[in-house]
Amino acid sequence: MTKNRIKLTPFGKEVEKKLIDLEMTKGDLAKVLGITDPYLTDILKGTRLGREMKLKIAKLLELDLVLGR
């Protein structure tokens, strides 16, 4: 049986790659940002817009951000 993968936006994929490089989990990132894991997951999947939070994530992880992705 295969594990269900969450379908991520391009931004979500970049965040996931960066977290791997930094040896961080999504839970670690959520804690640093002061948000819940499910809210972060919703942003990375694109089911929540979270524009301000995307900006914080991009700045924290030093990612380029194109809003609307």
C-alpha atoms as a PDB file:
ATOM      1  CA  MET A   1       0.000   0.000   0.000  1.00  0.00           C
ATOM      2  CA  THR A   2       1.424   3.385  -0.946  1.00  0.00           C
ATOM      3  CA  LYS A   3       1.333   6.370   1.321  1.00  0.00           C
ATOM      4  CA  ASN A   4      -1.022   9.130   0.183  1.00  0.00           C
ATOM      5  CA  ARG A   5       1.021  12.131  -0.903  1.00  0.00           C
ATOM      6  CA  ILE A   6      -0.342  15.612  -0.471  1.00  0.00           C
ATOM      7  CA  LYS A   7      -0.551  17.458  -3.777  1.00  0.00           C
ATOM      8  CA  LEU A   8       1.512  20.590  -3.299  1.00  0.00           C
ATOM      9  CA  THR A   9       1.616  23.836  -5.242  1.00  0.00           C
ATOM     10  CA  PRO A  10       4.922  24.830  -6.861  1.00  0.00           C
ATOM     11  CA  PHE A  11       5.522  27.037  -3.801  1.00  0.00           C
ATOM     12  CA  GLY A  12       4.753  24.102  -1.522  1.00  0.00           C
ATOM     13  CA  LYS A  13       7.237  21.920  -3.401  1.00  0.00           C
ATOM     14  CA  GLU A  14       9.962  24.551  -3.036  1.00  0.00           C
ATOM     15  CA  VAL A  15       9.252  24.858   0.694  1.00  0.00           C
ATOM     16  CA  GLU A  16       9.408  21.078   1.070  1.00  0.00           C
ATOM     17  CA  LYS A  17      12.772  20.920  -0.774  1.00  0.00           C
ATOM     18  CA  LYS A  18      14.196  23.714   1.380  1.00  0.00           C
ATOM     19  CA  LEU A  19      13.006  22.036   4.575  1.00  0.00           C
ATOM     20  CA  ILE A  20      14.811  18.848   3.529  1.00  0.00           C
ATOM     21  CA  ASP A  21      17.996  20.855   2.898  1.00  0.00           C
ATOM     22  CA  LEU A  22      17.658  22.465   6.334  1.00  0.00           C
ATOM     23  CA  GLU A  23      16.748  19.151   8.011  1.00  0.00           C
ATOM     24  CA  MET A  24      13.492  20.686   9.258  1.00  0.00           C
ATOM     25  CA  THR A  25       9.995  19.280   9.297  1.00  0.00           C
ATOM     26  CA  LYS A  26       6.782  21.058   8.380  1.00  0.00           C
ATOM     27  CA  GLY A  27       5.957  20.864  12.083  1.00  0.00           C
ATOM     28  CA  ASP A  28       9.193  22.694  12.911  1.00  0.00           C
ATOM     29  CA  LEU A  29       8.344  25.403  10.392  1.00  0.00           C
ATOM     30  CA  ALA A  30       4.791  25.758  11.691  1.00  0.00           C
ATOM     31  CA  LYS A  31       6.116  26.145  15.234  1.00  0.00           C
ATOM     32  CA  VAL A  32       8.587  28.868  14.177  1.00  0.00           C
ATOM     33  CA  LEU A  33       5.784  30.688  12.346  1.00  0.00           C
ATOM     34  CA  GLY A  34       3.359  30.320  15.248  1.00  0.00           C
ATOM     35  CA  ILE A  35       0.733  28.494  13.184  1.00  0.00           C
ATOM     36  CA  THR A  36      -0.740  25.010  13.225  1.00  0.00           C
ATOM     37  CA  ASP A  37       0.517  22.150  11.075  1.00  0.00           C
ATOM     38  CA  PRO A  38      -2.849  21.843   9.259  1.00  0.00           C
ATOM     39  CA  TYR A  39      -2.858  25.570   8.406  1.00  0.00           C
ATOM     40  CA  LEU A  40       0.673  25.306   6.974  1.00  0.00           C
ATOM     41  CA  THR A  41      -0.321  22.220   4.976  1.00  0.00           C
ATOM     42  CA  ASP A  42      -3.342  24.070   3.576  1.00  0.00           C
ATOM     43  CA  ILE A  43      -1.087  26.918   2.429  1.00  0.00           C
ATOM     44  CA  LEU A  44       1.353  24.503   0.789  1.00  0.00           C
ATOM     45  CA  LYS A  45      -1.515  22.654  -0.943  1.00  0.00           C
ATOM     46  CA  GLY A  46      -3.102  25.910  -2.083  1.00  0.00           C
ATOM     47  CA  THR A  47      -6.408  25.332  -0.297  1.00  0.00           C
ATOM     48  CA  ARG A  48      -5.727  28.444   1.822  1.00  0.00           C
ATOM     49  CA  LEU A  49      -4.393  31.599   0.234  1.00  0.00           C
ATOM     50  CA  GLY A  50      -2.197  32.720   3.147  1.00  0.00           C
ATOM     51  CA  ARG A  51      -0.458  35.503   1.216  1.00  0.00           C
ATOM     52  CA  GLU A  52       1.056  37.136   4.288  1.00  0.00           C
ATOM     53  CA  MET A  53       2.170  33.774   5.659  1.00  0.00           C
ATOM     54  CA  LYS A  54       3.694  32.853   2.277  1.00  0.00           C
ATOM     55  CA  LEU A  55       5.752  36.039   2.467  1.00  0.00           C
ATOM     56  CA  LYS A  56       6.943  35.109   5.974  1.00  0.00           C
ATOM     57  CA  ILE A  57       7.788  31.568   4.851  1.00  0.00           C
ATOM     58  CA  ALA A  58       9.680  32.797   1.798  1.00  0.00           C
ATOM     59  CA  LYS A  59      11.658  35.292   3.850  1.00  0.00           C
ATOM     60  CA  LEU A  60      12.439  32.776   6.589  1.00  0.00           C
ATOM     61  CA  LEU A  61      13.550  30.086   4.123  1.00  0.00           C
ATOM     62  CA  GLU A  62      15.181  32.583   1.736  1.00  0.00           C
ATOM     63  CA  LEU A  63      12.991  31.566  -1.210  1.00  0.00           C
ATOM     64  CA  ASP A  64      11.900  33.623  -4.192  1.00  0.00           C
ATOM     65  CA  LEU A  65       8.141  34.062  -4.109  1.00  0.00           C
ATOM     66  CA  VAL A  66       5.797  34.719  -6.973  1.00  0.00           C
ATOM     67  CA  LEU A  67       2.364  35.266  -5.457  1.00  0.00           C
ATOM     68  CA  GLY A  68      -0.446  33.563  -7.232  1.00  0.00           C
ATOM     69  CA  ARG A  69       1.381  30.248  -7.373  1.00  0.00           C
END
